[in-house]
């Protein structure tokens, strides 16, 4: 979503919509419902080896489709790999997953 919003880079259909807890809260604001809890899962896809492989594909394709250079994709992923490794070693289990379950209940 950062690339789409910042650089107007076309994203794949799987990246077309990113729903965040603040979106849900906004949609529920004028209803008798509230966002009670958010439970994330599929952590490896969100912050692990699968995410890094997926990110390389997404970045390369998105930048190519926007006619932007992809020269720094590998360098960016090298840095991101270090971030992922460090965060997983220092605070395991604290990071959100790639999928979420939104628990909505009456106010």
C-alpha atoms as a PDB file:
ATOM      1  CA  UNK A   1       0.000   0.000   0.000  1.00  0.00           C
ATOM      2  CA  UNK A   2       2.936   2.337   0.625  1.00  0.00           C
ATOM      3  CA  UNK A   3       3.991   2.106  -3.019  1.00  0.00           C
ATOM      4  CA  UNK A   4       0.431   2.571  -4.251  1.00  0.00           C
ATOM      5  CA  UNK A   5      -0.172   5.633  -2.098  1.00  0.00           C
ATOM      6  CA  UNK A   6       3.257   7.245  -2.349  1.00  0.00           C
ATOM      7  CA  UNK A   7       4.229   6.558  -5.950  1.00  0.00           C
ATOM      8  CA  UNK A   8       0.877   5.644  -7.543  1.00  0.00           C
ATOM      9  CA  UNK A   9       2.360   2.245  -8.434  1.00  0.00           C
ATOM     10  CA  UNK A  10      -0.227  -0.198  -9.816  1.00  0.00           C
ATOM     11  CA  UNK A  11      -0.658  -3.139  -7.467  1.00  0.00           C
ATOM     12  CA  UNK A  12      -1.779  -6.701  -8.065  1.00  0.00           C
ATOM     13  CA  UNK A  13      -5.381  -7.612  -7.382  1.00  0.00           C
ATOM     14  CA  UNK A  14      -4.384  -9.169  -4.063  1.00  0.00           C
ATOM     15  CA  UNK A  15      -2.957  -5.815  -2.975  1.00  0.00           C
ATOM     16  CA  UNK A  16      -5.856  -3.723  -4.245  1.00  0.00           C
ATOM     17  CA  UNK A  17      -7.486  -3.314  -0.838  1.00  0.00           C
ATOM     18  CA  UNK A  18      -5.776  -3.275   2.507  1.00  0.00           C
ATOM     19  CA  UNK A  19      -8.239  -3.307   5.379  1.00  0.00           C
ATOM     20  CA  UNK A  20      -6.875  -2.090   8.693  1.00  0.00           C
ATOM     21  CA  UNK A  21      -8.510  -1.906  12.119  1.00  0.00           C
ATOM     22  CA  UNK A  22      -9.000   1.858  11.706  1.00  0.00           C
ATOM     23  CA  UNK A  23     -10.980   1.190   8.497  1.00  0.00           C
ATOM     24  CA  UNK A  24     -13.303  -1.177  10.348  1.00  0.00           C
ATOM     25  CA  UNK A  25     -13.725   1.324  13.193  1.00  0.00           C
ATOM     26  CA  UNK A  26     -14.583   4.049  10.681  1.00  0.00           C
ATOM     27  CA  UNK A  27     -17.154   1.878   8.916  1.00  0.00           C
ATOM     28  CA  UNK A  28     -18.757   1.009  12.245  1.00  0.00           C
ATOM     29  CA  UNK A  29     -18.730   4.561  13.661  1.00  0.00           C
ATOM     30  CA  UNK A  30     -22.373   5.319  12.877  1.00  0.00           C
ATOM     31  CA  UNK A  31     -23.700   1.847  13.647  1.00  0.00           C
ATOM     32  CA  UNK A  32     -24.646   0.106  16.872  1.00  0.00           C
ATOM     33  CA  UNK A  33     -21.581  -2.126  16.452  1.00  0.00           C
ATOM     34  CA  UNK A  34     -17.968  -1.798  17.592  1.00  0.00           C
ATOM     35  CA  UNK A  35     -14.657  -3.459  16.847  1.00  0.00           C
ATOM     36  CA  UNK A  36     -14.056  -5.573  19.926  1.00  0.00           C
ATOM     37  CA  UNK A  37     -10.810  -7.309  19.020  1.00  0.00           C
ATOM     38  CA  UNK A  38      -8.365  -8.049  16.228  1.00  0.00           C
ATOM     39  CA  UNK A  39      -6.563 -11.385  16.085  1.00  0.00           C
ATOM     40  CA  UNK A  40      -3.806 -11.790  13.527  1.00  0.00           C
ATOM     41  CA  UNK A  41      -2.394 -15.054  12.221  1.00  0.00           C
ATOM     42  CA  UNK A  42      -0.201 -16.482   9.473  1.00  0.00           C
ATOM     43  CA  UNK A  43       2.856 -14.801  11.003  1.00  0.00           C
ATOM     44  CA  UNK A  44       5.412 -16.373   8.671  1.00  0.00           C
ATOM     45  CA  UNK A  45       3.770 -14.712   5.675  1.00  0.00           C
ATOM     46  CA  UNK A  46       3.681 -11.366   7.463  1.00  0.00           C
ATOM     47  CA  UNK A  47       7.156 -11.293   8.945  1.00  0.00           C
ATOM     48  CA  UNK A  48       9.251 -14.228   7.806  1.00  0.00           C
ATOM     49  CA  UNK A  49      10.815 -16.034   4.852  1.00  0.00           C
ATOM     50  CA  UNK A  50       7.562 -16.304   2.885  1.00  0.00           C
ATOM     51  CA  UNK A  51       7.040 -12.551   3.211  1.00  0.00           C
ATOM     52  CA  UNK A  52      10.518 -11.842   1.840  1.00  0.00           C
ATOM     53  CA  UNK A  53       9.973 -14.069  -1.219  1.00  0.00           C
ATOM     54  CA  UNK A  54       6.536 -12.573  -1.799  1.00  0.00           C
ATOM     55  CA  UNK A  55       7.802  -9.012  -1.325  1.00  0.00           C
ATOM     56  CA  UNK A  56      10.531  -9.501  -3.946  1.00  0.00           C
ATOM     57  CA  UNK A  57       7.940 -10.616  -6.480  1.00  0.00           C
ATOM     58  CA  UNK A  58       5.497  -7.826  -5.601  1.00  0.00           C
ATOM     59  CA  UNK A  59       8.107  -5.050  -5.579  1.00  0.00           C
ATOM     60  CA  UNK A  60       9.725  -6.166  -8.832  1.00  0.00           C
ATOM     61  CA  UNK A  61       6.393  -6.470 -10.638  1.00  0.00           C
ATOM     62  CA  UNK A  62       4.870  -3.271  -9.232  1.00  0.00           C
ATOM     63  CA  UNK A  63       7.904  -1.139 -10.045  1.00  0.00           C
ATOM     64  CA  UNK A  64       8.168  -2.673 -13.520  1.00  0.00           C
ATOM     65  CA  UNK A  65       4.474  -1.987 -14.196  1.00  0.00           C
ATOM     66  CA  UNK A  66       4.957   1.647 -13.125  1.00  0.00           C
ATOM     67  CA  UNK A  67       8.016   1.979 -15.388  1.00  0.00           C
ATOM     68  CA  UNK A  68      10.175   2.621 -12.338  1.00  0.00           C
ATOM     69  CA  UNK A  69      13.628   1.097 -11.820  1.00  0.00           C
ATOM     70  CA  UNK A  70      13.919  -2.025  -9.726  1.00  0.00           C
ATOM     71  CA  UNK A  71      17.658  -1.708  -9.242  1.00  0.00           C
ATOM     72  CA  UNK A  72      17.344  -1.445  -5.474  1.00  0.00           C
ATOM     73  CA  UNK A  73      14.854  -4.254  -4.821  1.00  0.00           C
ATOM     74  CA  UNK A  74      17.567  -6.716  -3.757  1.00  0.00           C
ATOM     75  CA  UNK A  75      19.234  -4.117  -1.548  1.00  0.00           C
ATOM     76  CA  UNK A  76      15.880  -3.257   0.036  1.00  0.00           C
ATOM     77  CA  UNK A  77      15.112  -6.924   0.675  1.00  0.00           C
ATOM     78  CA  UNK A  78      18.544  -7.471   2.195  1.00  0.00           C
ATOM     79  CA  UNK A  79      17.806  -4.681   4.676  1.00  0.00           C
ATOM     80  CA  UNK A  80      14.271  -5.960   5.277  1.00  0.00           C
ATOM     81  CA  UNK A  81      15.645  -9.444   5.925  1.00  0.00           C
ATOM     82  CA  UNK A  82      17.845  -8.024   8.688  1.00  0.00           C
ATOM     83  CA  UNK A  83      14.869  -6.176  10.175  1.00  0.00           C
ATOM     84  CA  UNK A  84      12.764  -9.356  10.126  1.00  0.00           C
ATOM     85  CA  UNK A  85      15.557 -11.430  11.663  1.00  0.00           C
ATOM     86  CA  UNK A  86      16.225  -8.895  14.414  1.00  0.00           C
ATOM     87  CA  UNK A  87      12.579  -8.381  15.292  1.00  0.00           C
ATOM     88  CA  UNK A  88      11.853 -12.108  15.356  1.00  0.00           C
ATOM     89  CA  UNK A  89      14.860 -12.728  17.624  1.00  0.00           C
ATOM     90  CA  UNK A  90      14.186  -9.879  20.042  1.00  0.00           C
ATOM     91  CA  UNK A  91      10.399  -9.892  20.285  1.00  0.00           C
ATOM     92  CA  UNK A  92       9.070 -13.219  18.981  1.00  0.00           C
ATOM     93  CA  UNK A  93       5.343 -13.552  18.510  1.00  0.00           C
ATOM     94  CA  UNK A  94       4.576  -9.859  18.874  1.00  0.00           C
ATOM     95  CA  UNK A  95       4.159  -9.008  15.220  1.00  0.00           C
ATOM     96  CA  UNK A  96       0.925  -9.051  13.288  1.00  0.00           C
ATOM     97  CA  UNK A  97       0.113 -11.744  10.849  1.00  0.00           C
ATOM     98  CA  UNK A  98      -0.715 -11.353   7.191  1.00  0.00           C
ATOM     99  CA  UNK A  99      -4.344 -12.178   7.918  1.00  0.00           C
ATOM    100  CA  UNK A 100      -6.663 -10.965  10.613  1.00  0.00           C
ATOM    101  CA  UNK A 101      -9.925 -11.899  12.248  1.00  0.00           C
ATOM    102  CA  UNK A 102     -11.960  -8.853  13.232  1.00  0.00           C
ATOM    103  CA  UNK A 103     -14.336  -9.476  16.136  1.00  0.00           C
ATOM    104  CA  UNK A 104     -17.318  -7.120  15.899  1.00  0.00           C
ATOM    105  CA  UNK A 105     -19.949  -6.885  18.618  1.00  0.00           C
ATOM    106  CA  UNK A 106     -22.822  -4.644  19.703  1.00  0.00           C
ATOM    107  CA  UNK A 107     -21.825  -1.504  21.635  1.00  0.00           C
END
